[in-house]
Amino acid sequence: MVYFTVLKSLIIFQYSIKVNYEDAKEQLLGIEQINDAVTMLDTQTQQNANVATNTKTIAEYTSKIAQKKEFL
């Protein structure tokens, strides 16, 4: 009888470990997806900053041209 009780406890413990392992795998998958999304957002933010800098440069250059034309 004790043998079956111990065996039953071991089976339950083994199942519990398997469930925890599967949960951990799912959590890891979710974390990896979040990391990928954050990396993509960071890349896009850097590209947007570059576009903004270039736009500012063009606007300043255009403003200088316009100011020179006023004096002509």
Protein backbone atom coordinates (compact mmCIF):
# COMPACT_ATOMS: atom_id res chain seq x y z
CA MET A 1 0.00 0.00 0.00
CA VAL A 2 2.82 2.42 0.87
CA TYR A 3 4.45 1.61 -2.47
CA PHE A 4 1.35 2.70 -4.40
CA THR A 5 1.05 5.89 -2.34
CA VAL A 6 4.67 6.78 -3.08
CA LEU A 7 4.23 5.87 -6.74
CA LYS A 8 1.09 7.98 -6.96
CA SER A 9 2.92 10.93 -5.35
CA LEU A 10 5.81 10.54 -7.80
CA ILE A 11 3.44 10.49 -10.78
CA ILE A 12 1.66 13.60 -9.51
CA PHE A 13 5.03 15.31 -8.93
CA GLN A 14 6.24 14.35 -12.41
CA TYR A 15 3.03 15.72 -13.95
CA SER A 16 3.43 18.94 -11.97
CA ILE A 17 6.98 19.36 -13.29
CA LYS A 18 5.78 18.78 -16.86
CA VAL A 19 3.00 21.36 -16.48
CA ASN A 20 5.43 23.91 -15.03
CA TYR A 21 7.88 23.23 -17.86
CA GLU A 22 5.18 23.79 -20.49
CA ASP A 23 4.08 27.01 -18.74
CA ALA A 24 7.68 28.24 -18.65
CA LYS A 25 8.08 27.51 -22.38
CA GLU A 26 4.94 29.53 -23.15
CA GLN A 27 6.16 32.41 -20.99
CA LEU A 28 9.53 32.36 -22.76
CA LEU A 29 7.78 32.46 -26.13
CA GLY A 30 5.75 35.48 -24.99
CA ILE A 31 8.84 37.26 -23.69
CA GLU A 32 10.66 36.63 -26.98
CA GLN A 33 7.71 38.05 -28.94
CA ILE A 34 7.64 41.15 -26.73
CA ASN A 35 11.40 41.57 -27.17
CA ASP A 36 11.03 41.33 -30.95
CA ALA A 37 8.26 43.94 -30.92
CA VAL A 38 10.31 46.33 -28.77
CA THR A 39 13.31 45.89 -31.08
CA MET A 40 11.13 46.69 -34.10
CA LEU A 41 9.70 49.76 -32.37
CA ASP A 42 13.19 50.95 -31.44
CA THR A 43 14.37 50.55 -35.03
CA GLN A 44 11.36 52.48 -36.33
CA THR A 45 11.88 55.22 -33.73
CA GLN A 46 15.51 55.63 -34.83
CA GLN A 47 14.43 55.84 -38.47
CA ASN A 48 11.79 58.44 -37.58
CA ALA A 49 14.41 60.49 -35.72
CA ASN A 50 16.66 60.41 -38.79
CA VAL A 51 13.80 61.55 -41.03
CA ALA A 52 13.00 64.37 -38.59
CA THR A 53 16.63 65.50 -38.56
CA ASN A 54 16.78 65.48 -42.37
CA THR A 55 13.48 67.37 -42.57
CA LYS A 56 14.81 70.01 -40.19
CA THR A 57 17.98 70.38 -42.26
CA ILE A 58 15.94 70.81 -45.45
CA ALA A 59 13.65 73.34 -43.76
CA GLU A 60 16.61 75.39 -42.53
CA TYR A 61 18.23 75.32 -45.97
CA THR A 62 14.95 76.32 -47.64
CA SER A 63 14.54 79.16 -45.15
CA LYS A 64 18.03 80.47 -45.97
CA ILE A 65 17.27 80.37 -49.68
CA ALA A 66 14.01 82.24 -49.10
CA GLN A 67 15.76 84.90 -47.01
CA LYS A 68 18.38 85.46 -49.76
CA LYS A 69 15.65 85.84 -52.39
CA GLU A 70 14.02 88.60 -50.31
CA PHE A 71 17.14 90.73 -50.70
CA LEU A 72 17.35 90.30 -54.47
